[in-house]
Every structure is written in structure tokens, then in C-alpha cells.
Amino acid sequence: MSVIVEIIMPAYNCEKTIKKSVDSILNQTYTNWELYIVDDGSTDKTNDIISSYNDPRIKAIRKINGGVSSARNTALSQITGNGFIAYCDADDVWYPDHLNIAVTILCNTDYDIVYSNPRCIDEDGNQVFPSFPVYYKFDIDNLRKDNFIWISTVVHKGFLGKFDSMVDSLEDYDLWIRAAKQGKKFSQSEAITCEYLVIPNGMAAKGKGARKRLQVKHLDFI
């Protein structure tokens, strides 16, 4: 399995969490990857932490603040897309076998997109339960109802498209819907390979207005 995985990490004022996130990527058992960290106009020490790494696989990008979709799209404009693409937010953590599990599935099946389950934790490291559903096996009817695919667990083949900033906190759900409408095949790895930090009143908790805009955009699907 020599395919390269290009990893996208948007970062904004995450000095408390980003080192743990980046270190979890450095600790992957699958080592053929490149990490594109996009500092989206941070005003804390985020950029200093990013600059402290000297691994040639880490590509640092700085830009004016434009939001998470803008940051991810900036990275997408620079990657080759010749291998697989993965996402890891700067407050999430991958377990060491995360990439190896996903790459194995993608290389040995006709699936286009692989996702796993996260272990959700709070800021003190305590396990919490997600506020929206997690389905163990992909079902397109379930995707019509809600977003159950956590972006930091996703690895996929080639480009799926860029993120739509107009749907705010559900920009990842929008991408999964577009991929499903294109006929892409999804697989759930049935493994817990990621720790997802649940922040009260964070982006994932601000989805009601975005959900309405998304329903209008994909009325034919939803």
C-alpha cells in the first residue's frame, strides 16, 4: 500500500489542542502521507506551534481568516489529489491505526469513501455521547435524515469537490450529500479510530440555521 494520503487540517486559535492533533498524525503506523495545515488567521500561538515542526511531510499555509470551509478549500487547491484525501481538525486526535485501516479498505474494495466512529470527549478528556446519531453501516436513507459522518474520521479517493461556506457548520454534510448524489460508495470501518473534541456551543452545535439552508439546497435529495 504505497498510495499517498493528503491530509487537510484547518487551524484557528487552537494553541491548546493542535500539537496533540499533529502528533497523532506523526504517530500513524501508515507513514506515506502529507499534512497541509492551514492557519486561518490565528491570533494566538497556533502558528508558532506549527512552525516548530520540521518534518518535510508537513506543509504550512497561512491565510487571512475566512472560516473553516475557506481553510479547507485553500488546502484542496494545493494538493495533487492523485492519492487519497483525509481530514483532521486541529482539536481532534487520530489513533495510530486510523490511516492504515482506511487505506486498507480503499485499496482492497471499490468503496470511494471510508469513515469510522469517533470517541467523543469533552475538554477534560471525559467520554461524552454525541448529540446527533451515529449509524454503524452506511444507509443513504439515514444520510437524508442527518449527518452521521464525522469529518475527522473520513478518508476518500481523489477529489470530491470543495466545501460550500454558505452552509456554515454543515459544510461537511453538504459534501457527503453531493458525493452520494454522484453515486460515490461509502463504507463504515466499524472501528473507533479518532477522538473528537465536543465543545459546548461549538460549530457542531450551531447547525439549525445551516440545516434549513442545506435542506433548500438539496431538497431533491432530502
Protein backbone atom coordinates (compact mmCIF):
# COMPACT_ATOMS: atom_id res chain seq x y z
CA MET A 1 0.00 0.00 0.00
CA SER A 2 2.13 2.86 -1.29
CA VAL A 3 -0.67 5.31 -2.07
CA ILE A 4 -0.15 8.76 -0.62
CA VAL A 5 -2.72 10.27 1.74
CA GLU A 6 -3.00 14.07 1.65
CA ILE A 7 -4.34 15.32 4.96
CA ILE A 8 -6.11 18.64 5.44
CA MET A 9 -6.09 20.39 8.83
CA PRO A 10 -7.74 23.82 9.22
CA ALA A 11 -6.43 25.67 12.27
CA TYR A 12 -7.73 28.76 14.02
CA ASN A 13 -6.66 29.85 17.52
CA CYS A 14 -6.09 26.28 18.59
CA GLU A 15 -2.86 26.60 20.56
CA LYS A 16 -4.24 24.34 23.31
CA THR A 17 -5.04 21.39 21.05
CA ILE A 18 -3.13 21.46 17.75
CA LYS A 19 0.09 19.86 18.99
CA LYS A 20 -1.78 16.78 20.15
CA SER A 21 -3.56 16.61 16.81
CA VAL A 22 -0.40 16.92 14.73
CA ASP A 23 1.48 14.47 16.94
CA SER A 24 -1.27 11.90 16.43
CA ILE A 25 -0.66 12.13 12.68
CA LEU A 26 3.10 11.78 13.15
CA ASN A 27 2.39 8.63 15.18
CA GLN A 28 0.42 6.91 12.41
CA THR A 29 1.53 3.38 11.53
CA TYR A 30 0.84 4.28 7.89
CA THR A 31 3.57 6.76 7.01
CA ASN A 32 3.04 7.72 3.36
CA TRP A 33 1.20 10.98 3.92
CA GLU A 34 1.47 14.74 3.62
CA LEU A 35 -0.21 17.11 6.06
CA TYR A 36 -1.45 20.51 4.90
CA ILE A 37 -2.06 22.74 7.92
CA VAL A 38 -3.91 25.95 7.05
CA ASP A 39 -3.57 28.63 9.72
CA ASP A 40 -6.75 30.61 9.13
CA GLY A 41 -5.56 33.93 10.58
CA SER A 42 -4.88 32.78 14.13
CA THR A 43 -4.05 35.46 16.70
CA ASP A 44 -2.68 33.15 19.40
CA LYS A 45 0.41 30.89 19.30
CA THR A 46 -1.03 28.45 16.77
CA ASN A 47 1.42 29.47 14.03
CA ASP A 48 4.40 29.21 16.40
CA ILE A 49 3.45 25.63 17.21
CA ILE A 50 3.02 24.77 13.53
CA SER A 51 6.42 26.32 12.75
CA SER A 52 8.11 24.18 15.41
CA TYR A 53 7.73 21.06 13.26
CA ASN A 54 10.48 20.27 10.73
CA ASP A 55 9.03 17.11 9.18
CA PRO A 56 9.11 17.62 5.39
CA ARG A 57 5.70 15.95 5.10
CA ILE A 58 4.11 18.89 6.94
CA LYS A 59 3.15 21.80 4.68
CA ALA A 60 2.21 25.00 6.50
CA ILE A 61 -0.06 27.60 4.90
CA ARG A 62 -1.10 30.95 6.38
CA LYS A 63 -4.08 32.98 5.21
CA ILE A 64 -6.45 35.72 6.25
CA ASN A 65 -9.32 34.44 8.36
CA GLY A 66 -12.15 33.17 6.19
CA GLY A 67 -13.67 30.25 8.07
CA VAL A 68 -13.21 26.51 8.06
CA SER A 69 -14.53 25.93 4.54
CA SER A 70 -12.19 28.58 3.16
CA ALA A 71 -9.26 26.99 5.01
CA ARG A 72 -10.00 23.51 3.71
CA ASN A 73 -10.52 24.82 0.18
CA THR A 74 -7.15 26.58 0.34
CA ALA A 75 -5.52 23.23 1.04
CA LEU A 76 -7.57 21.49 -1.64
CA SER A 77 -6.26 23.98 -4.20
CA GLN A 78 -2.69 22.91 -3.43
CA ILE A 79 -2.88 19.15 -3.10
CA THR A 80 -2.45 16.80 -6.05
CA GLY A 81 -5.48 14.59 -5.46
CA ASN A 82 -3.53 11.70 -7.02
CA GLY A 83 -3.97 9.52 -3.94
CA PHE A 84 -6.38 9.64 -1.02
CA ILE A 85 -7.60 12.68 0.90
CA ALA A 86 -8.19 12.77 4.66
CA TYR A 87 -9.28 15.38 7.18
CA CYS A 88 -8.25 16.03 10.76
CA ASP A 89 -9.44 19.10 12.61
CA ALA A 90 -6.94 20.79 14.90
CA ASP A 91 -8.75 19.72 18.06
CA ASP A 92 -9.26 16.06 17.11
CA VAL A 93 -6.87 13.14 17.54
CA TRP A 94 -6.27 10.07 15.39
CA TYR A 95 -5.43 6.70 16.92
CA PRO A 96 -2.24 5.17 15.42
CA ASP A 97 -4.03 2.77 13.06
CA HIS A 98 -6.54 5.28 11.68
CA LEU A 99 -4.93 5.70 8.26
CA ASN A 100 -3.86 2.09 7.95
CA ILE A 101 -7.42 0.83 8.44
CA ALA A 102 -8.90 3.31 5.96
CA VAL A 103 -6.22 2.82 3.30
CA THR A 104 -6.55 -0.97 3.53
CA ILE A 105 -10.29 -0.75 2.86
CA LEU A 106 -9.93 1.73 0.00
CA CYS A 107 -7.16 -0.26 -1.67
CA ASN A 108 -8.98 -3.59 -1.50
CA THR A 109 -12.57 -2.62 -2.32
CA ASP A 110 -14.47 -0.44 -4.74
CA TYR A 111 -15.55 1.97 -1.98
CA ASP A 112 -14.81 5.64 -2.60
CA ILE A 113 -15.23 6.97 0.95
CA VAL A 114 -14.40 5.34 4.28
CA TYR A 115 -15.37 6.71 7.68
CA SER A 116 -15.10 5.34 11.20
CA ASN A 117 -16.60 6.08 14.60
CA PRO A 118 -15.17 8.72 16.93
CA ARG A 119 -14.74 8.53 20.66
CA CYS A 120 -16.29 11.80 21.77
CA ILE A 121 -14.61 13.58 24.67
CA ASP A 122 -15.04 16.87 26.50
CA GLU A 123 -12.30 19.39 27.29
CA ASP A 124 -11.35 17.41 30.42
CA GLY A 125 -10.90 14.19 28.46
CA ASN A 126 -14.09 12.58 29.73
CA GLN A 127 -16.08 10.47 27.29
CA VAL A 128 -19.38 12.03 26.26
CA PHE A 129 -22.13 10.90 23.93
CA PRO A 130 -22.75 12.71 20.64
CA SER A 131 -25.80 14.92 20.30
CA PHE A 132 -26.62 13.55 16.83
CA PRO A 133 -26.88 9.96 15.58
CA VAL A 134 -24.10 7.59 14.65
CA TYR A 135 -25.02 4.75 12.30
CA TYR A 136 -22.67 1.80 12.10
CA LYS A 137 -23.36 0.95 8.47
CA PHE A 138 -23.91 3.41 5.67
CA ASP A 139 -27.51 3.82 4.56
CA ILE A 140 -28.44 6.55 2.10
CA ASP A 141 -31.85 6.94 3.73
CA ASN A 142 -30.15 7.71 7.03
CA LEU A 143 -27.97 10.28 5.27
CA ARG A 144 -31.15 12.01 4.11
CA LYS A 145 -32.19 12.38 7.75
CA ASP A 146 -28.99 13.61 9.38
CA ASN A 147 -25.22 13.86 9.26
CA PHE A 148 -23.64 10.88 10.99
CA ILE A 149 -20.24 11.04 9.25
CA TRP A 150 -17.65 12.83 11.39
CA ILE A 151 -15.19 14.61 9.12
CA SER A 152 -12.04 13.81 11.10
CA THR A 153 -12.74 10.10 10.52
CA VAL A 154 -13.07 10.36 6.72
CA VAL A 155 -10.60 9.21 4.07
CA HIS A 156 -11.62 9.15 0.40
CA LYS A 157 -10.27 8.56 -3.10
CA GLY A 158 -9.39 11.67 -5.10
CA PHE A 159 -11.36 14.92 -5.13
CA LEU A 160 -14.98 15.04 -4.06
CA GLY A 161 -15.28 18.79 -4.55
CA LYS A 162 -14.74 21.91 -2.49
CA PHE A 163 -16.63 22.96 0.63
CA ASP A 164 -19.57 25.35 0.45
CA SER A 165 -19.14 28.10 3.05
CA MET A 166 -22.78 29.14 2.66
CA VAL A 167 -23.97 26.17 4.71
CA ASP A 168 -21.87 27.17 7.74
CA SER A 169 -21.38 24.37 10.27
CA LEU A 170 -22.77 21.65 7.98
CA GLU A 171 -20.29 22.11 5.16
CA ASP A 172 -19.12 18.51 5.60
CA TYR A 173 -22.69 17.16 5.46
CA ASP A 174 -23.17 19.12 2.24
CA LEU A 175 -20.11 17.42 0.74
CA TRP A 176 -21.30 13.93 1.73
CA ILE A 177 -24.70 14.62 0.15
CA ARG A 178 -23.10 15.82 -3.07
CA ALA A 179 -20.90 12.72 -3.12
CA ALA A 180 -23.89 10.45 -2.57
CA LYS A 181 -25.79 12.17 -5.38
CA GLN A 182 -22.78 11.50 -7.64
CA GLY A 183 -23.04 7.79 -6.84
CA LYS A 184 -19.95 7.55 -4.62
CA LYS A 185 -19.81 4.42 -2.47
CA PHE A 186 -19.47 4.82 1.30
CA SER A 187 -18.13 2.31 3.82
CA GLN A 188 -18.06 2.39 7.62
CA SER A 189 -14.95 0.73 9.02
CA GLU A 190 -16.68 -0.28 12.29
CA ALA A 191 -13.58 0.79 14.21
CA ILE A 192 -13.10 3.66 16.64
CA THR A 193 -10.06 5.43 15.21
CA CYS A 194 -10.45 9.05 16.30
CA GLU A 195 -11.07 11.21 19.36
CA TYR A 196 -13.47 14.05 18.66
CA LEU A 197 -13.49 17.05 20.99
CA VAL A 198 -17.02 18.17 21.78
CA ILE A 199 -17.08 21.87 22.67
CA PRO A 200 -20.30 23.34 24.11
CA ASN A 201 -21.77 25.88 21.68
CA GLY A 202 -19.14 24.89 19.11
CA MET A 203 -19.67 24.72 15.35
CA ALA A 204 -21.37 21.32 15.53
CA ALA A 205 -23.90 22.78 17.97
CA LYS A 206 -24.83 25.70 15.68
CA GLY A 207 -26.45 23.75 12.88
CA LYS A 208 -30.15 24.72 12.95
CA GLY A 209 -29.94 27.69 10.58
CA ALA A 210 -27.43 25.90 8.38
CA ARG A 211 -29.69 22.85 8.26
CA LYS A 212 -32.52 24.90 6.79
CA ARG A 213 -30.23 26.30 4.08
CA LEU A 214 -28.96 22.80 3.36
CA GLN A 215 -32.47 21.40 3.05
CA VAL A 216 -33.30 24.07 0.49
CA LYS A 217 -30.12 23.38 -1.46
CA HIS A 218 -30.69 19.60 -1.54
CA LEU A 219 -34.47 19.48 -1.50
CA ASP A 220 -34.44 16.84 -4.26
CA PHE A 221 -32.27 14.56 -2.08
CA ILE A 222 -33.57 15.22 1.44
